Amino acid sequence: MEGLFQPLHLILILIIVLIIFGPGRLPEIGAGLGKSIRNFKKAMNEKDEPQEEAKSETKAVEQKDEKKDEQKDEKKD
């Protein structure tokens, strides 16, 4: 055994996948896998700007939550 990705192993894996999912679902599975890999690569190549935007959005949500808590406390009094 030299490696997992020998042609016989790949054929065996393909047969098992065909049995489990059926031939009709294979294109859907392949498309979903391709999209997920593309999105992962895109996310890895993006700059840090989206992270900064997410932090500012998180702060805004936290401020709204604090205001709601304050309003609840005022209603209780």
PDB file of N, CA and C in Angstrom:
ATOM      1  N   MET A   1       0.840  -1.181   0.000  1.00  0.00           N
ATOM      2  CA  MET A   1       0.000   0.000   0.000  1.00  0.00           C
ATOM      3  C   MET A   1       0.884   1.244   0.000  1.00  0.00           C
ATOM      4  N   GLU A   2       0.886   1.899  -1.107  1.00  0.00           N
ATOM      5  CA  GLU A   2       1.712   3.094  -1.226  1.00  0.00           C
ATOM      6  C   GLU A   2       0.939   4.354  -0.866  1.00  0.00           C
ATOM      7  N   GLY A   3      -0.346   4.358  -1.068  1.00  0.00           N
ATOM      8  CA  GLY A   3      -1.112   5.547  -0.760  1.00  0.00           C
ATOM      9  C   GLY A   3      -2.599   5.300  -0.870  1.00  0.00           C
ATOM     10  N   LEU A   4      -3.345   6.212  -0.334  1.00  0.00           N
ATOM     11  CA  LEU A   4      -4.790   6.086  -0.312  1.00  0.00           C
ATOM     12  C   LEU A   4      -5.400   6.368  -1.682  1.00  0.00           C
ATOM     13  N   PHE A   5      -4.790   7.222  -2.471  1.00  0.00           N
ATOM     14  CA  PHE A   5      -5.390   7.673  -3.714  1.00  0.00           C
ATOM     15  C   PHE A   5      -4.904   6.891  -4.927  1.00  0.00           C
ATOM     16  N   GLN A   6      -4.799   5.611  -4.793  1.00  0.00           N
ATOM     17  CA  GLN A   6      -4.490   4.762  -5.932  1.00  0.00           C
ATOM     18  C   GLN A   6      -5.764   4.571  -6.746  1.00  0.00           C
ATOM     19  N   PRO A   7      -5.653   4.281  -8.034  1.00  0.00           N
ATOM     20  CA  PRO A   7      -6.854   4.161  -8.870  1.00  0.00           C
ATOM     21  C   PRO A   7      -7.869   3.140  -8.351  1.00  0.00           C
ATOM     22  N   LEU A   8      -7.425   2.026  -7.852  1.00  0.00           N
ATOM     23  CA  LEU A   8      -8.356   1.021  -7.334  1.00  0.00           C
ATOM     24  C   LEU A   8      -9.118   1.542  -6.115  1.00  0.00           C
ATOM     25  N   HIS A   9      -8.437   2.270  -5.275  1.00  0.00           N
ATOM     26  CA  HIS A   9      -9.089   2.845  -4.092  1.00  0.00           C
ATOM     27  C   HIS A   9     -10.131   3.884  -4.504  1.00  0.00           C
ATOM     28  N   LEU A  10      -9.785   4.730  -5.476  1.00  0.00           N
ATOM     29  CA  LEU A  10     -10.724   5.756  -5.930  1.00  0.00           C
ATOM     30  C   LEU A  10     -11.967   5.122  -6.568  1.00  0.00           C
ATOM     31  N   ILE A  11     -11.785   4.050  -7.335  1.00  0.00           N
ATOM     32  CA  ILE A  11     -12.923   3.352  -7.933  1.00  0.00           C
ATOM     33  C   ILE A  11     -13.811   2.756  -6.849  1.00  0.00           C
ATOM     34  N   LEU A  12     -13.214   2.174  -5.828  1.00  0.00           N
ATOM     35  CA  LEU A  12     -13.976   1.607  -4.721  1.00  0.00           C
ATOM     36  C   LEU A  12     -14.771   2.691  -3.990  1.00  0.00           C
ATOM     37  N   ILE A  13     -14.150   3.826  -3.751  1.00  0.00           N
ATOM     38  CA  ILE A  13     -14.842   4.941  -3.088  1.00  0.00           C
ATOM     39  C   ILE A  13     -15.998   5.422  -3.950  1.00  0.00           C
ATOM     40  N   LEU A  14     -15.785   5.543  -5.263  1.00  0.00           N
ATOM     41  CA  LEU A  14     -16.846   5.975  -6.166  1.00  0.00           C
ATOM     42  C   LEU A  14     -18.025   4.995  -6.161  1.00  0.00           C
ATOM     43  N   ILE A  15     -17.753   3.722  -6.146  1.00  0.00           N
ATOM     44  CA  ILE A  15     -18.829   2.718  -6.103  1.00  0.00           C
ATOM     45  C   ILE A  15     -19.622   2.831  -4.808  1.00  0.00           C
ATOM     46  N   ILE A  16     -18.941   3.026  -3.695  1.00  0.00           N
ATOM     47  CA  ILE A  16     -19.633   3.170  -2.407  1.00  0.00           C
ATOM     48  C   ILE A  16     -20.506   4.424  -2.406  1.00  0.00           C
ATOM     49  N   VAL A  17     -19.983   5.523  -2.950  1.00  0.00           N
ATOM     50  CA  VAL A  17     -20.760   6.770  -3.017  1.00  0.00           C
ATOM     51  C   VAL A  17     -21.978   6.583  -3.912  1.00  0.00           C
ATOM     52  N   LEU A  18     -21.816   5.883  -5.028  1.00  0.00           N
ATOM     53  CA  LEU A  18     -22.953   5.615  -5.912  1.00  0.00           C
ATOM     54  C   LEU A  18     -24.024   4.799  -5.211  1.00  0.00           C
ATOM     55  N   ILE A  19     -23.625   3.821  -4.434  1.00  0.00           N
ATOM     56  CA  ILE A  19     -24.588   2.988  -3.714  1.00  0.00           C
ATOM     57  C   ILE A  19     -25.333   3.808  -2.664  1.00  0.00           C
ATOM     58  N   ILE A  20     -24.609   4.652  -1.952  1.00  0.00           N
ATOM     59  CA  ILE A  20     -25.223   5.419  -0.864  1.00  0.00           C
ATOM     60  C   ILE A  20     -26.146   6.519  -1.399  1.00  0.00           C
ATOM     61  N   PHE A  21     -25.660   7.334  -2.326  1.00  0.00           N
ATOM     62  CA  PHE A  21     -26.413   8.510  -2.767  1.00  0.00           C
ATOM     63  C   PHE A  21     -27.199   8.296  -4.062  1.00  0.00           C
ATOM     64  N   GLY A  22     -26.793   7.367  -4.891  1.00  0.00           N
ATOM     65  CA  GLY A  22     -27.472   7.147  -6.161  1.00  0.00           C
ATOM     66  C   GLY A  22     -26.929   8.068  -7.243  1.00  0.00           C
ATOM     67  N   PRO A  23     -27.106   7.685  -8.500  1.00  0.00           N
ATOM     68  CA  PRO A  23     -26.535   8.477  -9.594  1.00  0.00           C
ATOM     69  C   PRO A  23     -27.217   9.825  -9.796  1.00  0.00           C
ATOM     70  N   GLY A  24     -28.453   9.990  -9.369  1.00  0.00           N
ATOM     71  CA  GLY A  24     -29.161  11.254  -9.546  1.00  0.00           C
ATOM     72  C   GLY A  24     -28.660  12.368  -8.652  1.00  0.00           C
ATOM     73  N   ARG A  25     -28.138  12.008  -7.508  1.00  0.00           N
ATOM     74  CA  ARG A  25     -27.694  13.031  -6.541  1.00  0.00           C
ATOM     75  C   ARG A  25     -26.232  13.410  -6.705  1.00  0.00           C
ATOM     76  N   LEU A  26     -25.475  12.642  -7.472  1.00  0.00           N
ATOM     77  CA  LEU A  26     -24.047  12.934  -7.616  1.00  0.00           C
ATOM     78  C   LEU A  26     -23.767  14.325  -8.187  1.00  0.00           C
ATOM     79  N   PRO A  27     -24.494  14.790  -9.217  1.00  0.00           N
ATOM     80  CA  PRO A  27     -24.222  16.152  -9.702  1.00  0.00           C
ATOM     81  C   PRO A  27     -24.478  17.223  -8.640  1.00  0.00           C
ATOM     82  N   GLU A  28     -25.517  17.032  -7.831  1.00  0.00           N
ATOM     83  CA  GLU A  28     -25.813  17.989  -6.757  1.00  0.00           C
ATOM     84  C   GLU A  28     -24.690  18.006  -5.728  1.00  0.00           C
ATOM     85  N   ILE A  29     -24.216  16.837  -5.380  1.00  0.00           N
ATOM     86  CA  ILE A  29     -23.138  16.733  -4.393  1.00  0.00           C
ATOM     87  C   ILE A  29     -21.864  17.369  -4.937  1.00  0.00           C
ATOM     88  N   GLY A  30     -21.548  17.097  -6.208  1.00  0.00           N
ATOM     89  CA  GLY A  30     -20.362  17.683  -6.831  1.00  0.00           C
ATOM     90  C   GLY A  30     -20.445  19.198  -6.910  1.00  0.00           C
ATOM     91  N   ALA A  31     -21.631  19.712  -7.271  1.00  0.00           N
ATOM     92  CA  ALA A  31     -21.807  21.163  -7.356  1.00  0.00           C
ATOM     93  C   ALA A  31     -21.671  21.800  -5.978  1.00  0.00           C
ATOM     94  N   GLY A  32     -22.258  21.187  -4.977  1.00  0.00           N
ATOM     95  CA  GLY A  32     -22.151  21.726  -3.617  1.00  0.00           C
ATOM     96  C   GLY A  32     -20.726  21.712  -3.109  1.00  0.00           C
ATOM     97  N   LEU A  33     -20.010  20.643  -3.404  1.00  0.00           N
ATOM     98  CA  LEU A  33     -18.613  20.547  -2.989  1.00  0.00           C
ATOM     99  C   LEU A  33     -17.769  21.607  -3.701  1.00  0.00           C
ATOM    100  N   GLY A  34     -18.010  21.790  -4.988  1.00  0.00           N
ATOM    101  CA  GLY A  34     -17.269  22.800  -5.743  1.00  0.00           C
ATOM    102  C   GLY A  34     -17.525  24.201  -5.235  1.00  0.00           C
ATOM    103  N   LYS A  35     -18.786  24.513  -4.937  1.00  0.00           N
ATOM    104  CA  LYS A  35     -19.120  25.840  -4.402  1.00  0.00           C
ATOM    105  C   LYS A  35     -18.463  26.074  -3.052  1.00  0.00           C
ATOM    106  N   SER A  36     -18.472  25.060  -2.215  1.00  0.00           N
ATOM    107  CA  SER A  36     -17.887  25.233  -0.882  1.00  0.00           C
ATOM    108  C   SER A  36     -16.374  25.438  -0.976  1.00  0.00           C
ATOM    109  N   ILE A  37     -15.711  24.729  -1.866  1.00  0.00           N
ATOM    110  CA  ILE A  37     -14.267  24.909  -2.034  1.00  0.00           C
ATOM    111  C   ILE A  37     -13.986  26.303  -2.585  1.00  0.00           C
ATOM    112  N   ARG A  38     -14.785  26.745  -3.570  1.00  0.00           N
ATOM    113  CA  ARG A  38     -14.600  28.086  -4.137  1.00  0.00           C
ATOM    114  C   ARG A  38     -14.789  29.164  -3.075  1.00  0.00           C
ATOM    115  N   ASN A  39     -15.839  29.037  -2.257  1.00  0.00           N
ATOM    116  CA  ASN A  39     -16.086  30.021  -1.201  1.00  0.00           C
ATOM    117  C   ASN A  39     -14.973  30.009  -0.162  1.00  0.00           C
ATOM    118  N   PHE A  40     -14.449  28.838   0.144  1.00  0.00           N
ATOM    119  CA  PHE A  40     -13.357  28.750   1.109  1.00  0.00           C
ATOM    120  C   PHE A  40     -12.122  29.451   0.575  1.00  0.00           C
ATOM    121  N   LYS A  41     -11.788  29.209  -0.695  1.00  0.00           N
ATOM    122  CA  LYS A  41     -10.625  29.874  -1.293  1.00  0.00           C
ATOM    123  C   LYS A  41     -10.821  31.379  -1.332  1.00  0.00           C
ATOM    124  N   LYS A  42     -12.043  31.807  -1.672  1.00  0.00           N
ATOM    125  CA  LYS A  42     -12.340  33.236  -1.727  1.00  0.00           C
ATOM    126  C   LYS A  42     -12.178  33.874  -0.353  1.00  0.00           C
ATOM    127  N   ALA A  43     -12.659  33.192   0.667  1.00  0.00           N
ATOM    128  CA  ALA A  43     -12.553  33.714   2.034  1.00  0.00           C
ATOM    129  C   ALA A  43     -11.099  33.768   2.485  1.00  0.00           C
ATOM    130  N   MET A  44     -10.299  32.823   2.075  1.00  0.00           N
ATOM    131  CA  MET A  44      -8.883  32.818   2.459  1.00  0.00           C
ATOM    132  C   MET A  44      -8.115  33.930   1.773  1.00  0.00           C
ATOM    133  N   ASN A  45      -8.549  34.350   0.591  1.00  0.00           N
ATOM    134  CA  ASN A  45      -7.840  35.373  -0.166  1.00  0.00           C
ATOM    135  C   ASN A  45      -8.308  36.784   0.140  1.00  0.00           C
ATOM    136  N   GLU A  46      -9.435  36.927   0.836  1.00  0.00           N
ATOM    137  CA  GLU A  46      -9.926  38.260   1.168  1.00  0.00           C
ATOM    138  C   GLU A  46      -8.999  38.930   2.178  1.00  0.00           C
ATOM    139  N   LYS A  47      -9.009  40.250   2.127  1.00  0.00           N
ATOM    140  CA  LYS A  47      -8.183  41.011   3.066  1.00  0.00           C
ATOM    141  C   LYS A  47      -8.874  41.077   4.421  1.00  0.00           C
ATOM    142  N   ASP A  48      -8.248  41.751   5.359  1.00  0.00           N
ATOM    143  CA  ASP A  48      -8.774  41.831   6.721  1.00  0.00           C
ATOM    144  C   ASP A  48      -9.929  42.812   6.855  1.00  0.00           C
ATOM    145  N   GLU A  49     -10.291  43.514   5.797  1.00  0.00           N
ATOM    146  CA  GLU A  49     -11.349  44.506   5.867  1.00  0.00           C
ATOM    147  C   GLU A  49     -12.690  43.920   6.316  1.00  0.00           C
ATOM    148  N   PRO A  50     -13.112  42.774   5.803  1.00  0.00           N
ATOM    149  CA  PRO A  50     -14.396  42.238   6.279  1.00  0.00           C
ATOM    150  C   PRO A  50     -14.399  41.922   7.773  1.00  0.00           C
ATOM    151  N   GLN A  51     -13.258  41.546   8.309  1.00  0.00           N
ATOM    152  CA  GLN A  51     -13.198  41.261   9.738  1.00  0.00           C
ATOM    153  C   GLN A  51     -13.421  42.533  10.537  1.00  0.00           C
ATOM    154  N   GLU A  52     -12.855  43.663  10.055  1.00  0.00           N
ATOM    155  CA  GLU A  52     -13.040  44.925  10.756  1.00  0.00           C
ATOM    156  C   GLU A  52     -14.504  45.349  10.702  1.00  0.00           C
ATOM    157  N   GLU A  53     -15.159  45.129   9.560  1.00  0.00           N
ATOM    158  CA  GLU A  53     -16.573  45.451   9.444  1.00  0.00           C
ATOM    159  C   GLU A  53     -17.391  44.596  10.401  1.00  0.00           C
ATOM    160  N   ALA A  54     -17.033  43.343  10.519  1.00  0.00           N
ATOM    161  CA  ALA A  54     -17.757  42.451  11.422  1.00  0.00           C
ATOM    162  C   ALA A  54     -17.603  42.910  12.865  1.00  0.00           C
ATOM    163  N   LYS A  55     -16.413  43.384  13.219  1.00  0.00           N
ATOM    164  CA  LYS A  55     -16.197  43.874  14.583  1.00  0.00           C
ATOM    165  C   LYS A  55     -17.063  45.090  14.854  1.00  0.00           C
ATOM    166  N   SER A  56     -17.151  46.021  13.884  1.00  0.00           N
ATOM    167  CA  SER A  56     -17.968  47.207  14.096  1.00  0.00           C
ATOM    168  C   SER A  56     -19.445  46.838  14.191  1.00  0.00           C
ATOM    169  N   GLU A  57     -19.884  45.850  13.403  1.00  0.00           N
ATOM    170  CA  GLU A  57     -21.261  45.392  13.492  1.00  0.00           C
ATOM    171  C   GLU A  57     -21.536  44.747  14.847  1.00  0.00           C
ATOM    172  N   THR A  58     -20.571  43.999  15.351  1.00  0.00           N
ATOM    173  CA  THR A  58     -20.716  43.356  16.650  1.00  0.00           C
ATOM    174  C   THR A  58     -20.856  44.413  17.739  1.00  0.00           C
ATOM    175  N   LYS A  59     -20.060  45.475  17.654  1.00  0.00           N
ATOM    176  CA  LYS A  59     -20.146  46.551  18.644  1.00  0.00           C
ATOM    177  C   LYS A  59     -21.503  47.223  18.588  1.00  0.00           C
ATOM    178  N   ALA A  60     -22.035  47.429  17.379  1.00  0.00           N
ATOM    179  CA  ALA A  60     -23.334  48.065  17.237  1.00  0.00           C
ATOM    180  C   ALA A  60     -24.425  47.201  17.856  1.00  0.00           C
ATOM    181  N   VAL A  61     -24.353  45.916  17.651  1.00  0.00           N
ATOM    182  CA  VAL A  61     -25.346  45.003  18.227  1.00  0.00           C
ATOM    183  C   VAL A  61     -25.230  45.003  19.749  1.00  0.00           C
ATOM    184  N   GLU A  62     -24.014  45.002  20.259  1.00  0.00           N
ATOM    185  CA  GLU A  62     -23.827  45.026  21.706  1.00  0.00           C
ATOM    186  C   GLU A  62     -24.396  46.308  22.302  1.00  0.00           C
ATOM    187  N   GLN A  63     -24.228  47.444  21.618  1.00  0.00           N
ATOM    188  CA  GLN A  63     -24.762  48.708  22.116  1.00  0.00           C
ATOM    189  C   GLN A  63     -26.286  48.663  22.135  1.00  0.00           C
ATOM    190  N   LYS A  64     -26.897  48.076  21.097  1.00  0.00           N
ATOM    191  CA  LYS A  64     -28.352  47.959  21.073  1.00  0.00           C
ATOM    192  C   LYS A  64     -28.837  47.080  22.214  1.00  0.00           C
ATOM    193  N   ASP A  65     -28.122  45.996  22.475  1.00  0.00           N
ATOM    194  CA  ASP A  65     -28.498  45.100  23.566  1.00  0.00           C
ATOM    195  C   ASP A  65     -28.411  45.819  24.905  1.00  0.00           C
ATOM    196  N   GLU A  66     -27.389  46.639  25.082  1.00  0.00           N
ATOM    197  CA  GLU A  66     -27.232  47.388  26.335  1.00  0.00           C
ATOM    198  C   GLU A  66     -28.393  48.371  26.507  1.00  0.00           C
ATOM    199  N   LYS A  67     -28.797  49.030  25.419  1.00  0.00           N
ATOM    200  CA  LYS A  67     -29.913  49.968  25.496  1.00  0.00           C
ATOM    201  C   LYS A  67     -31.200  49.241  25.862  1.00  0.00           C
ATOM    202  N   LYS A  68     -31.420  48.070  25.290  1.00  0.00           N
ATOM    203  CA  LYS A  68     -32.608  47.291  25.613  1.00  0.00           C
ATOM    204  C   LYS A  68     -32.601  46.883  27.079  1.00  0.00           C
ATOM    205  N   ASP A  69     -31.432  46.483  27.594  1.00  0.00           N
ATOM    206  CA  ASP A  69     -31.327  46.106  28.998  1.00  0.00           C
ATOM    207  C   ASP A  69     -31.633  47.285  29.900  1.00  0.00           C
ATOM    208  N   GLU A  70     -31.134  48.455  29.524  1.00  0.00           N
ATOM    209  CA  GLU A  70     -31.386  49.665  30.311  1.00  0.00           C
ATOM    210  C   GLU A  70     -32.890  49.989  30.316  1.00  0.00           C
ATOM    211  N   GLN A  71     -33.536  49.842  29.153  1.00  0.00           N
ATOM    212  CA  GLN A  71     -34.963  50.130  29.066  1.00  0.00           C
ATOM    213  C   GLN A  71     -35.766  49.156  29.920  1.00  0.00           C
ATOM    214  N   LYS A  72     -35.368  47.900  29.957  1.00  0.00           N
ATOM    215  CA  LYS A  72     -36.041  46.906  30.782  1.00  0.00           C
ATOM    216  C   LYS A  72     -35.902  47.232  32.251  1.00  0.00           C
ATOM    217  N   ASP A  73     -34.680  47.676  32.624  1.00  0.00           N
ATOM    218  CA  ASP A  73     -34.442  48.032  34.020  1.00  0.00           C
ATOM    219  C   ASP A  73     -35.303  49.239  34.405  1.00  0.00           C
ATOM    220  N   GLU A  74     -35.472  50.201  33.501  1.00  0.00           N
ATOM    221  CA  GLU A  74     -36.275  51.378  33.798  1.00  0.00           C
ATOM    222  C   GLU A  74     -37.752  50.999  33.953  1.00  0.00           C
ATOM    223  N   LYS A  75     -38.230  50.060  33.165  1.00  0.00           N
ATOM    224  CA  LYS A  75     -39.621  49.623  33.251  1.00  0.00           C
ATOM    225  C   LYS A  75     -39.901  48.897  34.556  1.00  0.00           C
ATOM    226  N   LYS A  76     -38.897  48.169  35.054  1.00  0.00           N
ATOM    227  CA  LYS A  76     -39.072  47.449  36.319  1.00  0.00           C
ATOM    228  C   LYS A  76     -39.202  48.399  37.484  1.00  0.00           C
ATOM    229  N   ASP A  77     -38.528  49.546  37.416  1.00  0.00           N
ATOM    230  CA  ASP A  77     -38.556  50.521  38.527  1.00  0.00           C
ATOM    231  C   ASP A  77     -39.809  51.313  38.497  1.00  0.00           C
TER     232      ASP A  77
END
